[in-house]
Amino acid sequence: MQLRLHSAAGDCNVQMLRYDLAAFDPSAFADAAIVMPVSIQRSVKKRQAEFFFGRLAAALALREQGYAAVEVGIGAMREPIFPAAVKGTITHTDRVAAAAVLPAHRCRGLGIDIEQAIAPDAIHSVEQLVLQPAEHAVLAGVNELAYPLALALVFSAKESFYKALAQAVGRVLDFSALRLLSVDLSAQRLHFVTEEMLCADWPRGQPCEIGFHRLAAGEVLTIFSW
């Protein structure tokens, strides 16, 4: 499945693959000529499936840009390493994986993320991790979206932003680095502001807009480029 979404760098094709974890077999790596790193070989089946379908989606996205049989490596912060001429990003849950790639001349960073509605027993811990006090009030005003999905949307948006800035910032960012200002459901946009100095291009107080799309299976997908 392919989604065409709009980002600051223009339209972007997102390659999506749904899969059945119970039916996954690690032999799929060899069948698809995808390298299985040692760290993944030692992982549980769930992690192997996530990695495989994420890399398979990335291969499809790269093929669209004219790249064939290119290995997507693993960086120091466990981020995917794409060819230098493109900016790429991968996301996955336990039932869907997706990837997107844009030419490097169109953007300096690209991030996508997919999340399911937050489970009831996890809401409090996710709130503690993701939200600042002022953001609770913003989410409380989003009446058209069930709260577990609205919370997942904010989580996802911050993940997409951090993925897009990973190379420029060079460190793992806390969720407090970005503060939610508003949610525009009709325009499918979330508005944030940076709460700290991230890098020269992203000082404290810099606004940003992150797009989102609601998937048919109930998840939310967010996208950010700069």
C-alpha atoms as a PDB file:
ATOM      1  CA  MET A   1       0.000   0.000   0.000  1.00  0.00           C
ATOM      2  CA  GLN A   2       1.232   3.479  -0.834  1.00  0.00           C
ATOM      3  CA  LEU A   3       0.089   6.758   0.716  1.00  0.00           C
ATOM      4  CA  ARG A   4       0.880  10.127  -0.826  1.00  0.00           C
ATOM      5  CA  LEU A   5       1.190  12.679   1.970  1.00  0.00           C
ATOM      6  CA  HIS A   6       2.101  16.349   1.985  1.00  0.00           C
ATOM      7  CA  SER A   7       5.091  17.611   3.953  1.00  0.00           C
ATOM      8  CA  ALA A   8       7.096  20.825   4.114  1.00  0.00           C
ATOM      9  CA  ALA A   9       9.349  19.347   1.418  1.00  0.00           C
ATOM     10  CA  GLY A  10       6.367  18.663  -0.848  1.00  0.00           C
ATOM     11  CA  ASP A  11       4.454  15.474  -1.540  1.00  0.00           C
ATOM     12  CA  CYS A  12       5.999  12.290  -0.187  1.00  0.00           C
ATOM     13  CA  ASN A  13       5.093   8.681  -0.957  1.00  0.00           C
ATOM     14  CA  VAL A  14       4.908   6.448   2.116  1.00  0.00           C
ATOM     15  CA  GLN A  15       5.295   2.715   1.487  1.00  0.00           C
ATOM     16  CA  MET A  16       3.208   0.678   3.950  1.00  0.00           C
ATOM     17  CA  LEU A  17       3.183  -3.069   4.589  1.00  0.00           C
ATOM     18  CA  ARG A  18       0.722  -4.836   6.881  1.00  0.00           C
ATOM     19  CA  TYR A  19       1.810  -8.192   8.240  1.00  0.00           C
ATOM     20  CA  ASP A  20       0.802 -11.054  10.500  1.00  0.00           C
ATOM     21  CA  LEU A  21       3.359 -11.533  13.262  1.00  0.00           C
ATOM     22  CA  ALA A  22       2.236 -15.112  13.917  1.00  0.00           C
ATOM     23  CA  ALA A  23       2.893 -16.048  10.281  1.00  0.00           C
ATOM     24  CA  PHE A  24       6.349 -14.457  10.076  1.00  0.00           C
ATOM     25  CA  ASP A  25       9.363 -16.705   9.521  1.00  0.00           C
ATOM     26  CA  PRO A  26      12.964 -15.399   9.738  1.00  0.00           C
ATOM     27  CA  SER A  27      13.734 -17.188   6.467  1.00  0.00           C
ATOM     28  CA  ALA A  28      12.015 -14.197   4.842  1.00  0.00           C
ATOM     29  CA  PHE A  29      15.286 -12.260   5.211  1.00  0.00           C
ATOM     30  CA  ALA A  30      17.130 -14.583   2.836  1.00  0.00           C
ATOM     31  CA  ASP A  31      14.156 -14.823   0.480  1.00  0.00           C
ATOM     32  CA  ALA A  32      14.030 -11.023   0.129  1.00  0.00           C
ATOM     33  CA  ALA A  33      17.845 -10.590   0.123  1.00  0.00           C
ATOM     34  CA  ILE A  34      17.669  -8.386   3.222  1.00  0.00           C
ATOM     35  CA  VAL A  35      20.639  -8.539   5.581  1.00  0.00           C
ATOM     36  CA  MET A  36      19.787  -9.620   9.132  1.00  0.00           C
ATOM     37  CA  PRO A  37      22.318  -7.989  11.494  1.00  0.00           C
ATOM     38  CA  VAL A  38      23.714 -10.034  14.367  1.00  0.00           C
ATOM     39  CA  SER A  39      21.775  -7.927  16.874  1.00  0.00           C
ATOM     40  CA  ILE A  40      18.531  -8.827  15.086  1.00  0.00           C
ATOM     41  CA  GLN A  41      19.487 -12.497  14.831  1.00  0.00           C
ATOM     42  CA  ARG A  42      19.646 -12.519  18.633  1.00  0.00           C
ATOM     43  CA  SER A  43      16.305 -10.747  18.992  1.00  0.00           C
ATOM     44  CA  VAL A  44      12.856 -12.178  19.618  1.00  0.00           C
ATOM     45  CA  LYS A  45      10.575 -12.950  16.682  1.00  0.00           C
ATOM     46  CA  LYS A  46       8.562  -9.735  17.140  1.00  0.00           C
ATOM     47  CA  ARG A  47      11.658  -7.558  16.760  1.00  0.00           C
ATOM     48  CA  GLN A  48      12.844  -9.606  13.771  1.00  0.00           C
ATOM     49  CA  ALA A  49       9.491  -9.116  12.029  1.00  0.00           C
ATOM     50  CA  GLU A  50       9.456  -5.368  12.734  1.00  0.00           C
ATOM     51  CA  PHE A  51      12.983  -5.003  11.386  1.00  0.00           C
ATOM     52  CA  PHE A  52      12.303  -7.134   8.305  1.00  0.00           C
ATOM     53  CA  PHE A  53       9.132  -5.368   7.217  1.00  0.00           C
ATOM     54  CA  GLY A  54      10.608  -1.961   8.009  1.00  0.00           C
ATOM     55  CA  ARG A  55      13.607  -2.702   5.783  1.00  0.00           C
ATOM     56  CA  LEU A  56      11.353  -4.181   3.105  1.00  0.00           C
ATOM     57  CA  ALA A  57       9.255  -0.996   3.078  1.00  0.00           C
ATOM     58  CA  ALA A  58      12.496   1.022   2.896  1.00  0.00           C
ATOM     59  CA  ALA A  59      13.653  -1.053  -0.087  1.00  0.00           C
ATOM     60  CA  LEU A  60      10.390  -0.256  -1.885  1.00  0.00           C
ATOM     61  CA  ALA A  61      10.754   3.452  -1.095  1.00  0.00           C
ATOM     62  CA  LEU A  62      14.375   3.458  -2.287  1.00  0.00           C
ATOM     63  CA  ARG A  63      13.457   1.632  -5.482  1.00  0.00           C
ATOM     64  CA  GLU A  64      11.046   4.450  -6.248  1.00  0.00           C
ATOM     65  CA  GLN A  65      14.023   6.832  -6.078  1.00  0.00           C
ATOM     66  CA  GLY A  66      16.086   4.653  -8.416  1.00  0.00           C
ATOM     67  CA  TYR A  67      18.014   2.618  -5.845  1.00  0.00           C
ATOM     68  CA  ALA A  68      18.102  -1.172  -6.027  1.00  0.00           C
ATOM     69  CA  ALA A  69      19.658  -3.673  -3.612  1.00  0.00           C
ATOM     70  CA  VAL A  70      20.841  -0.977  -1.177  1.00  0.00           C
ATOM     71  CA  GLU A  71      21.362  -2.010   2.435  1.00  0.00           C
ATOM     72  CA  VAL A  72      19.926   0.373   5.033  1.00  0.00           C
ATOM     73  CA  GLY A  73      22.367   0.271   7.934  1.00  0.00           C
ATOM     74  CA  ILE A  74      21.990   0.969  11.651  1.00  0.00           C
ATOM     75  CA  GLY A  75      23.490   4.122  13.166  1.00  0.00           C
ATOM     76  CA  ALA A  76      24.933   4.843  16.599  1.00  0.00           C
ATOM     77  CA  MET A  77      21.496   5.851  17.919  1.00  0.00           C
ATOM     78  CA  ARG A  78      19.871   2.834  16.211  1.00  0.00           C
ATOM     79  CA  GLU A  79      18.601   5.110  13.445  1.00  0.00           C
ATOM     80  CA  PRO A  80      18.411   3.745   9.871  1.00  0.00           C
ATOM     81  CA  ILE A  81      21.291   4.853   7.639  1.00  0.00           C
ATOM     82  CA  PHE A  82      20.181   5.628   4.078  1.00  0.00           C
ATOM     83  CA  PRO A  83      22.334   6.536   1.047  1.00  0.00           C
ATOM     84  CA  ALA A  84      23.785  10.056   1.326  1.00  0.00           C
ATOM     85  CA  ALA A  85      21.784  11.358  -1.641  1.00  0.00           C
ATOM     86  CA  VAL A  86      18.439  10.770   0.086  1.00  0.00           C
ATOM     87  CA  LYS A  87      16.724  11.342   3.414  1.00  0.00           C
ATOM     88  CA  GLY A  88      14.779   8.347   4.647  1.00  0.00           C
ATOM     89  CA  THR A  89      12.756   7.200   7.616  1.00  0.00           C
ATOM     90  CA  ILE A  90      11.188   3.966   8.897  1.00  0.00           C
ATOM     91  CA  THR A  91       8.432   3.211  11.398  1.00  0.00           C
ATOM     92  CA  HIS A  92       6.692   0.060  12.570  1.00  0.00           C
ATOM     93  CA  THR A  93       4.227  -1.432  15.015  1.00  0.00           C
ATOM     94  CA  ASP A  94       3.546  -5.123  15.610  1.00  0.00           C
ATOM     95  CA  ARG A  95       1.246  -5.232  12.572  1.00  0.00           C
ATOM     96  CA  VAL A  96       2.335  -2.544  10.110  1.00  0.00           C
ATOM     97  CA  ALA A  97       5.626  -1.105   8.858  1.00  0.00           C
ATOM     98  CA  ALA A  98       6.212   1.944   6.684  1.00  0.00           C
ATOM     99  CA  ALA A  99       9.056   3.902   5.121  1.00  0.00           C
ATOM    100  CA  ALA A 100       9.506   7.081   3.126  1.00  0.00           C
ATOM    101  CA  VAL A 101      12.405   8.523   1.141  1.00  0.00           C
ATOM    102  CA  LEU A 102      12.993  11.962  -0.381  1.00  0.00           C
ATOM    103  CA  PRO A 103      15.963  13.298  -2.375  1.00  0.00           C
ATOM    104  CA  ALA A 104      18.394  15.093  -0.051  1.00  0.00           C
ATOM    105  CA  HIS A 105      18.166  18.277  -2.115  1.00  0.00           C
ATOM    106  CA  ARG A 106      14.490  18.587  -1.108  1.00  0.00           C
ATOM    107  CA  CYS A 107      14.938  18.416   2.671  1.00  0.00           C
ATOM    108  CA  ARG A 108      17.494  18.158   5.461  1.00  0.00           C
ATOM    109  CA  GLY A 109      15.512  15.692   7.521  1.00  0.00           C
ATOM    110  CA  LEU A 110      12.454  13.438   7.207  1.00  0.00           C
ATOM    111  CA  GLY A 111      10.530  11.523   9.855  1.00  0.00           C
ATOM    112  CA  ILE A 112       7.375   9.395   9.924  1.00  0.00           C
ATOM    113  CA  ASP A 113       5.792   7.455  12.771  1.00  0.00           C
ATOM    114  CA  ILE A 114       2.767   5.186  13.195  1.00  0.00           C
ATOM    115  CA  GLU A 115       1.056   4.635  16.538  1.00  0.00           C
ATOM    116  CA  GLN A 116      -2.009   2.764  17.746  1.00  0.00           C
ATOM    117  CA  ALA A 117      -4.386   4.240  20.314  1.00  0.00           C
ATOM    118  CA  ILE A 118      -2.763   4.100  23.743  1.00  0.00           C
ATOM    119  CA  ALA A 119      -4.006   1.166  25.821  1.00  0.00           C
ATOM    120  CA  PRO A 120      -6.067   2.215  28.880  1.00  0.00           C
ATOM    121  CA  ASP A 121      -3.564   0.771  31.349  1.00  0.00           C
ATOM    122  CA  ALA A 122      -0.699   2.671  29.675  1.00  0.00           C
ATOM    123  CA  ILE A 123      -2.302   6.119  29.431  1.00  0.00           C
ATOM    124  CA  HIS A 124      -0.902   7.472  32.693  1.00  0.00           C
ATOM    125  CA  SER A 125       2.671   6.357  31.998  1.00  0.00           C
ATOM    126  CA  VAL A 126       2.562   7.746  28.434  1.00  0.00           C
ATOM    127  CA  GLU A 127       1.175  11.052  29.712  1.00  0.00           C
ATOM    128  CA  GLN A 128       4.046  11.262  32.195  1.00  0.00           C
ATOM    129  CA  LEU A 129       6.558  10.546  29.432  1.00  0.00           C
ATOM    130  CA  VAL A 130       5.176  12.658  26.592  1.00  0.00           C
ATOM    131  CA  LEU A 131       3.133  15.584  27.932  1.00  0.00           C
ATOM    132  CA  GLN A 132       4.029  18.789  29.701  1.00  0.00           C
ATOM    133  CA  PRO A 133       1.353  20.365  31.959  1.00  0.00           C
ATOM    134  CA  ALA A 134       0.298  22.919  29.324  1.00  0.00           C
ATOM    135  CA  GLU A 135      -0.190  20.171  26.743  1.00  0.00           C
ATOM    136  CA  HIS A 136      -2.858  18.444  28.842  1.00  0.00           C
ATOM    137  CA  ALA A 137      -5.117  21.458  28.372  1.00  0.00           C
ATOM    138  CA  VAL A 138      -4.577  21.455  24.597  1.00  0.00           C
ATOM    139  CA  LEU A 139      -5.491  17.774  24.310  1.00  0.00           C
ATOM    140  CA  ALA A 140      -8.523  18.256  26.537  1.00  0.00           C
ATOM    141  CA  GLY A 141      -9.906  20.596  23.878  1.00  0.00           C
ATOM    142  CA  VAL A 142      -9.665  18.003  21.095  1.00  0.00           C
ATOM    143  CA  ASN A 143     -13.193  16.678  21.556  1.00  0.00           C
ATOM    144  CA  GLU A 144     -13.571  15.118  18.100  1.00  0.00           C
ATOM    145  CA  LEU A 145     -10.868  12.520  18.764  1.00  0.00           C
ATOM    146  CA  ALA A 146     -10.966   9.823  21.448  1.00  0.00           C
ATOM    147  CA  TYR A 147      -8.373  10.662  24.088  1.00  0.00           C
ATOM    148  CA  PRO A 148      -6.290   7.433  23.721  1.00  0.00           C
ATOM    149  CA  LEU A 149      -5.872   8.183  20.005  1.00  0.00           C
ATOM    150  CA  ALA A 150      -5.238  11.901  20.579  1.00  0.00           C
ATOM    151  CA  LEU A 151      -2.480  11.011  23.034  1.00  0.00           C
ATOM    152  CA  ALA A 152      -1.013   8.570  20.507  1.00  0.00           C
ATOM    153  CA  LEU A 153      -1.118  11.343  17.897  1.00  0.00           C
ATOM    154  CA  VAL A 154       1.014  13.671  20.029  1.00  0.00           C
ATOM    155  CA  PHE A 155       3.418  10.833  20.848  1.00  0.00           C
ATOM    156  CA  SER A 156       3.710  10.004  17.144  1.00  0.00           C
ATOM    157  CA  ALA A 157       4.201  13.624  16.070  1.00  0.00           C
ATOM    158  CA  LYS A 158       7.070  14.137  18.496  1.00  0.00           C
ATOM    159  CA  GLU A 159       8.658  10.880  17.330  1.00  0.00           C
ATOM    160  CA  SER A 160       8.479  12.032  13.689  1.00  0.00           C
ATOM    161  CA  PHE A 161      10.038  15.381  14.599  1.00  0.00           C
ATOM    162  CA  TYR A 162      12.886  13.763  16.533  1.00  0.00           C
ATOM    163  CA  LYS A 163      13.598  11.304  13.713  1.00  0.00           C
ATOM    164  CA  ALA A 164      13.819  14.168  11.222  1.00  0.00           C
ATOM    165  CA  LEU A 165      16.254  16.080  13.453  1.00  0.00           C
ATOM    166  CA  ALA A 166      18.353  13.112  14.618  1.00  0.00           C
ATOM    167  CA  GLN A 167      21.228  13.706  12.216  1.00  0.00           C
ATOM    168  CA  ALA A 168      21.353  17.463  12.829  1.00  0.00           C
ATOM    169  CA  VAL A 169      21.081  17.222  16.620  1.00  0.00           C
ATOM    170  CA  GLY A 170      23.219  14.118  17.125  1.00  0.00           C
ATOM    171  CA  ARG A 171      21.609  13.083  20.393  1.00  0.00           C
ATOM    172  CA  VAL A 172      18.447  11.527  21.758  1.00  0.00           C
ATOM    173  CA  LEU A 173      15.852  14.189  22.560  1.00  0.00           C
ATOM    174  CA  ASP A 174      13.445  14.175  25.482  1.00  0.00           C
ATOM    175  CA  PHE A 175       9.739  14.567  24.745  1.00  0.00           C
ATOM    176  CA  SER A 176       9.881  17.866  26.640  1.00  0.00           C
ATOM    177  CA  ALA A 177      11.975  19.396  23.834  1.00  0.00           C
ATOM    178  CA  LEU A 178       8.780  20.059  21.871  1.00  0.00           C
ATOM    179  CA  ARG A 179       5.526  21.533  23.211  1.00  0.00           C
ATOM    180  CA  LEU A 180       2.101  21.126  21.608  1.00  0.00           C
ATOM    181  CA  LEU A 181       0.294  24.394  20.853  1.00  0.00           C
ATOM    182  CA  SER A 182      -2.772  23.282  18.900  1.00  0.00           C
ATOM    183  CA  VAL A 183      -4.368  20.479  16.894  1.00  0.00           C
ATOM    184  CA  ASP A 184      -6.173  21.218  13.615  1.00  0.00           C
ATOM    185  CA  LEU A 185      -8.123  18.068  12.755  1.00  0.00           C
ATOM    186  CA  SER A 186      -9.651  19.461   9.561  1.00  0.00           C
ATOM    187  CA  ALA A 187      -6.249  20.427   8.135  1.00  0.00           C
ATOM    188  CA  GLN A 188      -4.607  17.337   9.670  1.00  0.00           C
ATOM    189  CA  ARG A 189      -1.875  19.416  11.276  1.00  0.00           C
ATOM    190  CA  LEU A 190      -0.380  19.729  14.755  1.00  0.00           C
ATOM    191  CA  HIS A 191       1.438  22.892  15.790  1.00  0.00           C
ATOM    192  CA  PHE A 192       4.375  22.800  18.197  1.00  0.00           C
ATOM    193  CA  VAL A 193       7.162  25.026  19.489  1.00  0.00           C
ATOM    194  CA  THR A 194      10.659  23.992  20.573  1.00  0.00           C
ATOM    195  CA  GLU A 195      11.317  24.315  24.301  1.00  0.00           C
ATOM    196  CA  GLU A 196      15.125  24.217  24.139  1.00  0.00           C
ATOM    197  CA  MET A 197      18.055  24.882  21.828  1.00  0.00           C
ATOM    198  CA  LEU A 198      18.292  21.814  19.594  1.00  0.00           C
ATOM    199  CA  CYS A 199      20.803  22.992  16.977  1.00  0.00           C
ATOM    200  CA  ALA A 200      21.647  26.163  15.046  1.00  0.00           C
ATOM    201  CA  ASP A 201      18.606  25.778  12.794  1.00  0.00           C
ATOM    202  CA  TRP A 202      16.280  24.897  15.663  1.00  0.00           C
ATOM    203  CA  PRO A 203      16.694  27.375  18.536  1.00  0.00           C
ATOM    204  CA  ARG A 204      14.348  27.588  21.495  1.00  0.00           C
ATOM    205  CA  GLY A 205      10.983  29.077  20.512  1.00  0.00           C
ATOM    206  CA  GLN A 206      11.029  27.805  16.909  1.00  0.00           C
ATOM    207  CA  PRO A 207       7.525  26.847  15.696  1.00  0.00           C
ATOM    208  CA  CYS A 208       6.901  23.752  13.606  1.00  0.00           C
ATOM    209  CA  GLU A 209       3.962  22.076  11.912  1.00  0.00           C
ATOM    210  CA  ILE A 210       3.580  18.296  11.732  1.00  0.00           C
ATOM    211  CA  GLY A 211       1.107  16.571   9.429  1.00  0.00           C
ATOM    212  CA  PHE A 212      -0.917  13.474  10.210  1.00  0.00           C
ATOM    213  CA  HIS A 213      -3.189  10.920   8.579  1.00  0.00           C
ATOM    214  CA  ARG A 214      -5.674   8.524  10.180  1.00  0.00           C
ATOM    215  CA  LEU A 215      -5.276   5.010   8.801  1.00  0.00           C
ATOM    216  CA  ALA A 216      -8.199   2.725   8.017  1.00  0.00           C
ATOM    217  CA  ALA A 217      -7.132   0.214  10.677  1.00  0.00           C
ATOM    218  CA  GLY A 218      -7.352   2.875  13.383  1.00  0.00           C
ATOM    219  CA  GLU A 219      -3.730   3.974  13.737  1.00  0.00           C
ATOM    220  CA  VAL A 220      -2.364   7.470  13.187  1.00  0.00           C
ATOM    221  CA  LEU A 221       0.589   8.254  10.927  1.00  0.00           C
ATOM    222  CA  THR A 222       2.531  11.500  11.312  1.00  0.00           C
ATOM    223  CA  ILE A 223       5.068  13.060   8.951  1.00  0.00           C
ATOM    224  CA  PHE A 224       7.583  15.886   9.325  1.00  0.00           C
ATOM    225  CA  SER A 225      10.286  17.234   7.034  1.00  0.00           C
ATOM    226  CA  TRP A 226      12.446  20.337   7.109  1.00  0.00           C
END
